[in-house]
Amino acid sequence: MKKYYRQFDHTSDLGVEVEGEDLKKLFTNAALCLTDLIAGISSIAPNVRKIIRVRAGDRELLLREFLAETLYRFHKDKFLPAKVEINRLSDEELVAILVGDHLDIDRHSVKREIKSVTFHQLKIEEQNSGFKARFVMDI
C-alpha cells in the first residue's frame, strides 16, 4: 500500500501531512491515517459500520471535526476504521460510513495514544496532483 501520509516533527505533539487526489480521498486518507498511527491499518478488519455526520464553517474545520469525531469513536467505543465511505461532502458538511472493528488487545497492538486533533497548523491546500492537508495531534 502506498503511504498516503507523512509525519513531521512538532514539539511534544505529532504532525501529519496527508494527500488525496480529491477532497473525498483526502478526508478518507486522514481518517485512515489515525487508524494506522494508533494500531496499524492492516490489523483492522472491516466488520462494523458506523455513520458519522459533522458540520463546520469551512473545509479545514470540517476536516478537524471529522477527525475529532473519528477519534471520539475510538476513545468511547474502541472503534477504528479500516475503510471510509463518504456519502456527502461539501465545504461545511460531511456524512460518511466508517467500516472497521473494535480494538481487541488479543488481535491488535496500540502503537501510540492520540488524545486529540488540534487546530494548530490546520490547513488544506489544493495542488496539481490533488489536495494536501496538514494537522497536528496531541499525543
N, C-alpha and C. Protein backbone atom coordinates (compact mmCIF):
# COMPACT_ATOMS: atom_id res chain seq x y z
N MET A 1 0.84 -1.18 0.00
CA MET A 1 0.00 0.00 0.00
C MET A 1 0.89 1.25 0.00
N LYS A 2 0.61 2.18 -0.91
CA LYS A 2 1.35 3.43 -0.96
C LYS A 2 1.04 4.25 0.28
N LYS A 3 2.07 4.83 0.87
CA LYS A 3 1.89 5.67 2.05
C LYS A 3 1.22 6.97 1.62
N TYR A 4 0.08 7.29 2.20
CA TYR A 4 -0.69 8.47 1.83
C TYR A 4 -0.52 9.58 2.85
N TYR A 5 0.38 9.38 3.82
CA TYR A 5 0.66 10.43 4.79
C TYR A 5 2.12 10.37 5.20
N ARG A 6 2.58 11.47 5.76
CA ARG A 6 3.92 11.50 6.34
C ARG A 6 3.86 12.30 7.63
N GLN A 7 4.67 11.90 8.57
CA GLN A 7 4.75 12.59 9.85
C GLN A 7 5.80 13.69 9.77
N PHE A 8 5.59 14.75 10.55
CA PHE A 8 6.62 15.77 10.68
C PHE A 8 6.80 16.09 12.16
N ASP A 9 7.99 16.55 12.48
CA ASP A 9 8.32 16.86 13.87
C ASP A 9 7.54 18.06 14.36
N HIS A 10 7.05 17.94 15.58
CA HIS A 10 6.37 19.04 16.25
C HIS A 10 6.59 18.85 17.74
N THR A 11 6.95 19.91 18.42
CA THR A 11 7.29 19.83 19.83
C THR A 11 6.19 19.14 20.64
N SER A 12 6.52 18.01 21.21
CA SER A 12 5.66 17.20 22.10
C SER A 12 4.33 16.76 21.49
N ASP A 13 4.09 17.02 20.24
CA ASP A 13 2.89 16.59 19.55
C ASP A 13 3.29 15.81 18.30
N LEU A 14 2.32 15.38 17.53
CA LEU A 14 2.58 14.63 16.30
C LEU A 14 1.94 15.37 15.14
N GLY A 15 2.75 15.78 14.17
CA GLY A 15 2.25 16.46 12.98
C GLY A 15 2.15 15.49 11.82
N VAL A 16 1.14 15.69 10.97
CA VAL A 16 0.92 14.80 9.84
C VAL A 16 0.53 15.62 8.61
N GLU A 17 1.03 15.21 7.46
CA GLU A 17 0.56 15.70 6.16
C GLU A 17 -0.04 14.52 5.42
N VAL A 18 -1.25 14.72 4.91
CA VAL A 18 -2.00 13.66 4.22
C VAL A 18 -2.31 14.15 2.81
N GLU A 19 -2.29 13.25 1.85
CA GLU A 19 -2.59 13.60 0.46
C GLU A 19 -3.79 12.81 -0.06
N GLY A 20 -4.46 13.39 -1.04
CA GLY A 20 -5.55 12.71 -1.73
C GLY A 20 -5.81 13.36 -3.06
N GLU A 21 -6.19 12.57 -4.07
CA GLU A 21 -6.39 13.14 -5.40
C GLU A 21 -7.62 14.03 -5.49
N ASP A 22 -8.55 13.88 -4.55
CA ASP A 22 -9.70 14.78 -4.44
C ASP A 22 -10.03 14.93 -2.96
N LEU A 23 -11.02 15.76 -2.65
CA LEU A 23 -11.33 16.01 -1.24
C LEU A 23 -11.85 14.77 -0.52
N LYS A 24 -12.66 13.96 -1.20
CA LYS A 24 -13.15 12.73 -0.56
C LYS A 24 -11.99 11.81 -0.19
N LYS A 25 -11.05 11.66 -1.10
CA LYS A 25 -9.89 10.80 -0.82
C LYS A 25 -9.01 11.41 0.27
N LEU A 26 -8.89 12.73 0.30
CA LEU A 26 -8.12 13.40 1.34
C LEU A 26 -8.72 13.12 2.72
N PHE A 27 -10.03 13.30 2.86
CA PHE A 27 -10.69 13.06 4.14
C PHE A 27 -10.61 11.58 4.51
N THR A 28 -10.80 10.70 3.52
CA THR A 28 -10.67 9.26 3.76
C THR A 28 -9.28 8.92 4.27
N ASN A 29 -8.26 9.41 3.59
CA ASN A 29 -6.89 9.11 3.98
C ASN A 29 -6.54 9.68 5.35
N ALA A 30 -7.10 10.83 5.69
CA ALA A 30 -6.85 11.42 7.01
C ALA A 30 -7.40 10.52 8.12
N ALA A 31 -8.61 10.00 7.93
CA ALA A 31 -9.19 9.10 8.94
C ALA A 31 -8.40 7.80 9.03
N LEU A 32 -8.00 7.25 7.89
CA LEU A 32 -7.23 6.01 7.90
C LEU A 32 -5.84 6.22 8.49
N CYS A 33 -5.31 7.41 8.34
CA CYS A 33 -4.04 7.77 8.97
C CYS A 33 -4.15 7.64 10.49
N LEU A 34 -5.27 8.11 11.06
CA LEU A 34 -5.48 7.96 12.51
C LEU A 34 -5.41 6.49 12.92
N THR A 35 -6.12 5.64 12.19
CA THR A 35 -6.10 4.20 12.49
C THR A 35 -4.69 3.65 12.41
N ASP A 36 -3.98 4.01 11.35
CA ASP A 36 -2.63 3.50 11.17
C ASP A 36 -1.70 3.96 12.29
N LEU A 37 -1.82 5.20 12.70
CA LEU A 37 -0.97 5.72 13.77
C LEU A 37 -1.30 5.10 15.12
N ILE A 38 -2.57 4.77 15.35
CA ILE A 38 -2.98 4.20 16.64
C ILE A 38 -2.66 2.71 16.72
N ALA A 39 -3.05 1.94 15.69
CA ALA A 39 -2.93 0.48 15.81
C ALA A 39 -2.41 -0.22 14.56
N GLY A 40 -2.21 0.50 13.48
CA GLY A 40 -1.80 -0.15 12.24
C GLY A 40 -3.01 -0.56 11.44
N ILE A 41 -3.19 0.04 10.29
CA ILE A 41 -4.40 -0.17 9.49
C ILE A 41 -4.55 -1.62 9.04
N SER A 42 -3.46 -2.31 8.78
CA SER A 42 -3.55 -3.68 8.26
C SER A 42 -4.11 -4.66 9.28
N SER A 43 -4.13 -4.28 10.56
CA SER A 43 -4.64 -5.19 11.59
C SER A 43 -6.14 -5.04 11.83
N ILE A 44 -6.79 -4.07 11.19
CA ILE A 44 -8.20 -3.79 11.44
C ILE A 44 -9.06 -4.39 10.33
N ALA A 45 -10.00 -5.23 10.71
CA ALA A 45 -10.91 -5.87 9.74
C ALA A 45 -12.16 -5.01 9.56
N PRO A 46 -12.77 -5.02 8.37
CA PRO A 46 -13.98 -4.23 8.12
C PRO A 46 -15.24 -4.98 8.55
N ASN A 47 -15.48 -5.06 9.86
CA ASN A 47 -16.60 -5.85 10.39
C ASN A 47 -17.79 -5.03 10.88
N VAL A 48 -17.56 -3.79 11.28
CA VAL A 48 -18.60 -2.97 11.91
C VAL A 48 -18.73 -1.66 11.14
N ARG A 49 -19.99 -1.19 10.99
CA ARG A 49 -20.24 0.08 10.28
C ARG A 49 -20.74 1.13 11.27
N LYS A 50 -20.20 2.34 11.15
CA LYS A 50 -20.63 3.48 11.98
C LYS A 50 -20.85 4.67 11.06
N ILE A 51 -21.96 5.37 11.26
CA ILE A 51 -22.25 6.58 10.48
C ILE A 51 -21.75 7.79 11.24
N ILE A 52 -21.09 8.69 10.52
CA ILE A 52 -20.61 9.94 11.10
C ILE A 52 -21.19 11.09 10.29
N ARG A 53 -21.72 12.08 11.01
CA ARG A 53 -22.19 13.32 10.39
C ARG A 53 -21.53 14.48 11.14
N VAL A 54 -20.87 15.36 10.41
CA VAL A 54 -20.27 16.53 11.04
C VAL A 54 -20.52 17.76 10.17
N ARG A 55 -20.58 18.91 10.84
CA ARG A 55 -20.75 20.20 10.17
C ARG A 55 -19.71 21.15 10.74
N ALA A 56 -19.27 22.08 9.90
CA ALA A 56 -18.32 23.10 10.35
C ALA A 56 -18.37 24.28 9.38
N GLY A 57 -17.68 25.35 9.72
CA GLY A 57 -17.74 26.58 8.95
C GLY A 57 -16.93 26.60 7.67
N ASP A 58 -15.93 25.73 7.54
CA ASP A 58 -15.12 25.67 6.32
C ASP A 58 -14.45 24.30 6.22
N ARG A 59 -13.71 24.08 5.14
CA ARG A 59 -13.08 22.77 4.88
C ARG A 59 -12.14 22.33 5.99
N GLU A 60 -11.27 23.26 6.42
CA GLU A 60 -10.29 22.91 7.44
C GLU A 60 -10.98 22.50 8.74
N LEU A 61 -11.95 23.30 9.15
CA LEU A 61 -12.68 22.97 10.38
C LEU A 61 -13.48 21.68 10.22
N LEU A 62 -13.99 21.43 9.02
CA LEU A 62 -14.72 20.19 8.76
C LEU A 62 -13.79 18.99 8.89
N LEU A 63 -12.59 19.10 8.35
CA LEU A 63 -11.61 18.02 8.49
C LEU A 63 -11.31 17.77 9.95
N ARG A 64 -11.09 18.82 10.70
CA ARG A 64 -10.78 18.68 12.12
C ARG A 64 -11.94 18.03 12.88
N GLU A 65 -13.17 18.45 12.58
CA GLU A 65 -14.34 17.86 13.23
C GLU A 65 -14.50 16.39 12.86
N PHE A 66 -14.26 16.06 11.61
CA PHE A 66 -14.33 14.67 11.16
C PHE A 66 -13.31 13.81 11.89
N LEU A 67 -12.08 14.29 11.97
CA LEU A 67 -11.03 13.54 12.67
C LEU A 67 -11.32 13.46 14.16
N ALA A 68 -11.83 14.55 14.74
CA ALA A 68 -12.17 14.55 16.17
C ALA A 68 -13.28 13.54 16.46
N GLU A 69 -14.27 13.47 15.58
CA GLU A 69 -15.37 12.51 15.76
C GLU A 69 -14.87 11.07 15.58
N THR A 70 -13.99 10.86 14.61
CA THR A 70 -13.40 9.53 14.41
C THR A 70 -12.59 9.12 15.64
N LEU A 71 -11.82 10.04 16.18
CA LEU A 71 -11.03 9.77 17.38
C LEU A 71 -11.94 9.55 18.60
N TYR A 72 -13.04 10.30 18.67
CA TYR A 72 -14.01 10.12 19.76
C TYR A 72 -14.57 8.69 19.73
N ARG A 73 -14.85 8.17 18.53
CA ARG A 73 -15.36 6.79 18.42
C ARG A 73 -14.34 5.79 18.95
N PHE A 74 -13.06 6.10 18.76
CA PHE A 74 -12.03 5.23 19.32
C PHE A 74 -12.00 5.33 20.84
N HIS A 75 -12.01 6.54 21.37
CA HIS A 75 -11.95 6.71 22.82
C HIS A 75 -13.19 6.15 23.51
N LYS A 76 -14.35 6.33 22.92
CA LYS A 76 -15.61 5.88 23.53
C LYS A 76 -15.85 4.38 23.35
N ASP A 77 -15.69 3.89 22.11
CA ASP A 77 -16.08 2.52 21.77
C ASP A 77 -14.91 1.62 21.37
N LYS A 78 -13.69 2.17 21.36
CA LYS A 78 -12.50 1.44 20.88
C LYS A 78 -12.67 1.03 19.42
N PHE A 79 -13.39 1.85 18.65
CA PHE A 79 -13.65 1.58 17.24
C PHE A 79 -12.62 2.28 16.36
N LEU A 80 -12.05 1.53 15.41
CA LEU A 80 -11.10 2.09 14.44
C LEU A 80 -11.55 1.73 13.03
N PRO A 81 -11.57 2.70 12.11
CA PRO A 81 -11.98 2.40 10.73
C PRO A 81 -10.85 1.77 9.92
N ALA A 82 -11.23 0.84 9.06
CA ALA A 82 -10.32 0.26 8.06
C ALA A 82 -10.69 0.76 6.67
N LYS A 83 -11.88 1.33 6.56
CA LYS A 83 -12.40 1.81 5.29
C LYS A 83 -13.34 2.98 5.59
N VAL A 84 -13.38 3.95 4.69
CA VAL A 84 -14.26 5.11 4.84
C VAL A 84 -15.05 5.27 3.55
N GLU A 85 -16.38 5.36 3.68
CA GLU A 85 -17.25 5.61 2.53
C GLU A 85 -17.90 6.97 2.74
N ILE A 86 -17.48 7.96 1.98
CA ILE A 86 -18.03 9.31 2.14
C ILE A 86 -19.24 9.45 1.22
N ASN A 87 -20.40 9.68 1.83
CA ASN A 87 -21.64 9.80 1.07
C ASN A 87 -21.93 11.24 0.66
N ARG A 88 -21.54 12.19 1.51
CA ARG A 88 -21.79 13.60 1.21
C ARG A 88 -20.61 14.40 1.74
N LEU A 89 -20.10 15.30 0.90
CA LEU A 89 -19.00 16.17 1.32
C LEU A 89 -19.14 17.52 0.62
N SER A 90 -19.30 18.56 1.44
CA SER A 90 -19.28 19.93 0.94
C SER A 90 -18.26 20.68 1.80
N ASP A 91 -18.13 21.98 1.60
CA ASP A 91 -17.20 22.74 2.43
C ASP A 91 -17.63 22.80 3.89
N GLU A 92 -18.91 22.52 4.16
CA GLU A 92 -19.43 22.67 5.52
C GLU A 92 -20.07 21.43 6.12
N GLU A 93 -20.19 20.34 5.35
CA GLU A 93 -20.86 19.15 5.88
C GLU A 93 -20.24 17.88 5.31
N LEU A 94 -20.18 16.86 6.16
CA LEU A 94 -19.68 15.55 5.75
C LEU A 94 -20.56 14.48 6.37
N VAL A 95 -20.96 13.51 5.55
CA VAL A 95 -21.65 12.32 6.02
C VAL A 95 -20.85 11.14 5.49
N ALA A 96 -20.43 10.27 6.39
CA ALA A 96 -19.59 9.14 6.00
C ALA A 96 -19.96 7.90 6.80
N ILE A 97 -19.64 6.76 6.22
CA ILE A 97 -19.75 5.48 6.92
C ILE A 97 -18.33 4.99 7.17
N LEU A 98 -18.02 4.77 8.43
CA LEU A 98 -16.73 4.19 8.80
C LEU A 98 -16.94 2.69 8.94
N VAL A 99 -16.11 1.91 8.28
CA VAL A 99 -16.20 0.46 8.33
C VAL A 99 -14.91 -0.04 8.96
N GLY A 100 -15.04 -0.70 10.10
CA GLY A 100 -13.84 -1.14 10.80
C GLY A 100 -14.15 -2.15 11.88
N ASP A 101 -13.44 -2.04 12.99
CA ASP A 101 -13.61 -3.01 14.06
C ASP A 101 -13.27 -2.37 15.40
N HIS A 102 -13.69 -3.05 16.44
CA HIS A 102 -13.36 -2.61 17.80
C HIS A 102 -11.99 -3.16 18.18
N LEU A 103 -11.21 -2.34 18.83
CA LEU A 103 -9.87 -2.75 19.25
C LEU A 103 -9.97 -3.93 20.20
N ASP A 104 -9.19 -4.95 19.93
CA ASP A 104 -9.14 -6.15 20.75
C ASP A 104 -7.66 -6.39 21.07
N ILE A 105 -7.30 -6.32 22.34
CA ILE A 105 -5.88 -6.43 22.69
C ILE A 105 -5.29 -7.79 22.35
N ASP A 106 -6.13 -8.79 22.12
CA ASP A 106 -5.63 -10.10 21.69
C ASP A 106 -5.25 -10.11 20.21
N ARG A 107 -5.84 -9.20 19.42
CA ARG A 107 -5.58 -9.16 17.98
C ARG A 107 -4.83 -7.91 17.53
N HIS A 108 -4.90 -6.85 18.30
CA HIS A 108 -4.32 -5.57 17.90
C HIS A 108 -3.32 -5.08 18.95
N SER A 109 -2.36 -4.33 18.51
CA SER A 109 -1.46 -3.68 19.46
C SER A 109 -1.56 -2.17 19.27
N VAL A 110 -1.63 -1.44 20.35
CA VAL A 110 -1.70 0.01 20.29
C VAL A 110 -0.29 0.55 20.15
N LYS A 111 -0.06 1.29 19.07
CA LYS A 111 1.27 1.85 18.80
C LYS A 111 1.48 3.16 19.55
N ARG A 112 0.43 3.95 19.69
CA ARG A 112 0.53 5.22 20.40
C ARG A 112 -0.86 5.71 20.76
N GLU A 113 -0.90 6.56 21.77
CA GLU A 113 -2.17 7.18 22.17
C GLU A 113 -2.24 8.55 21.53
N ILE A 114 -3.36 8.83 20.90
CA ILE A 114 -3.63 10.17 20.36
C ILE A 114 -4.77 10.74 21.18
N LYS A 115 -4.50 11.86 21.85
CA LYS A 115 -5.50 12.46 22.73
C LYS A 115 -6.52 13.30 21.96
N SER A 116 -6.02 14.10 21.01
CA SER A 116 -6.93 14.97 20.27
C SER A 116 -6.28 15.47 18.99
N VAL A 117 -7.12 15.97 18.09
CA VAL A 117 -6.66 16.65 16.89
C VAL A 117 -6.79 18.14 17.18
N THR A 118 -5.69 18.87 17.05
CA THR A 118 -5.68 20.29 17.42
C THR A 118 -6.03 21.17 16.22
N PHE A 119 -6.17 22.46 16.49
CA PHE A 119 -6.39 23.44 15.43
C PHE A 119 -5.05 23.99 14.92
N HIS A 120 -3.97 23.67 15.60
CA HIS A 120 -2.65 24.20 15.27
C HIS A 120 -2.18 23.69 13.91
N GLN A 121 -1.76 24.58 13.05
CA GLN A 121 -1.25 24.30 11.70
C GLN A 121 -2.27 23.58 10.82
N LEU A 122 -3.53 23.66 11.14
CA LEU A 122 -4.59 23.01 10.36
C LEU A 122 -4.74 23.72 9.01
N LYS A 123 -4.55 22.95 7.93
CA LYS A 123 -4.58 23.57 6.61
C LYS A 123 -4.90 22.52 5.54
N ILE A 124 -5.69 22.93 4.54
CA ILE A 124 -5.91 22.12 3.34
C ILE A 124 -5.48 22.97 2.15
N GLU A 125 -4.64 22.39 1.29
CA GLU A 125 -4.17 23.09 0.10
C GLU A 125 -4.50 22.28 -1.14
N GLU A 126 -4.92 22.98 -2.19
CA GLU A 126 -5.10 22.33 -3.49
C GLU A 126 -3.77 22.40 -4.23
N GLN A 127 -3.37 21.26 -4.82
CA GLN A 127 -2.12 21.17 -5.56
C GLN A 127 -2.39 20.58 -6.94
N ASN A 128 -1.38 20.53 -7.78
CA ASN A 128 -1.55 19.96 -9.13
C ASN A 128 -2.02 18.51 -9.08
N SER A 129 -1.54 17.76 -8.11
CA SER A 129 -1.86 16.33 -8.02
C SER A 129 -3.10 16.05 -7.16
N GLY A 130 -3.74 17.08 -6.64
CA GLY A 130 -4.91 16.88 -5.79
C GLY A 130 -4.89 17.81 -4.60
N PHE A 131 -5.04 17.23 -3.41
CA PHE A 131 -5.11 18.02 -2.19
C PHE A 131 -4.12 17.49 -1.15
N LYS A 132 -3.69 18.41 -0.30
CA LYS A 132 -2.83 18.03 0.82
C LYS A 132 -3.37 18.72 2.07
N ALA A 133 -3.45 17.96 3.17
CA ALA A 133 -3.87 18.52 4.46
C ALA A 133 -2.72 18.39 5.44
N ARG A 134 -2.67 19.33 6.36
CA ARG A 134 -1.66 19.33 7.41
C ARG A 134 -2.39 19.56 8.73
N PHE A 135 -2.09 18.72 9.73
CA PHE A 135 -2.69 18.90 11.05
C PHE A 135 -1.78 18.33 12.11
N VAL A 136 -2.05 18.73 13.34
CA VAL A 136 -1.24 18.32 14.49
C VAL A 136 -2.14 17.64 15.50
N MET A 137 -1.63 16.56 16.11
CA MET A 137 -2.38 15.82 17.12
C MET A 137 -1.65 15.87 18.45
N ASP A 138 -2.42 15.98 19.50
CA ASP A 138 -1.88 15.95 20.86
C ASP A 138 -1.72 14.49 21.26
N ILE A 139 -0.48 14.11 21.61
CA ILE A 139 -0.23 12.71 21.99
C ILE A 139 0.17 12.61 23.45
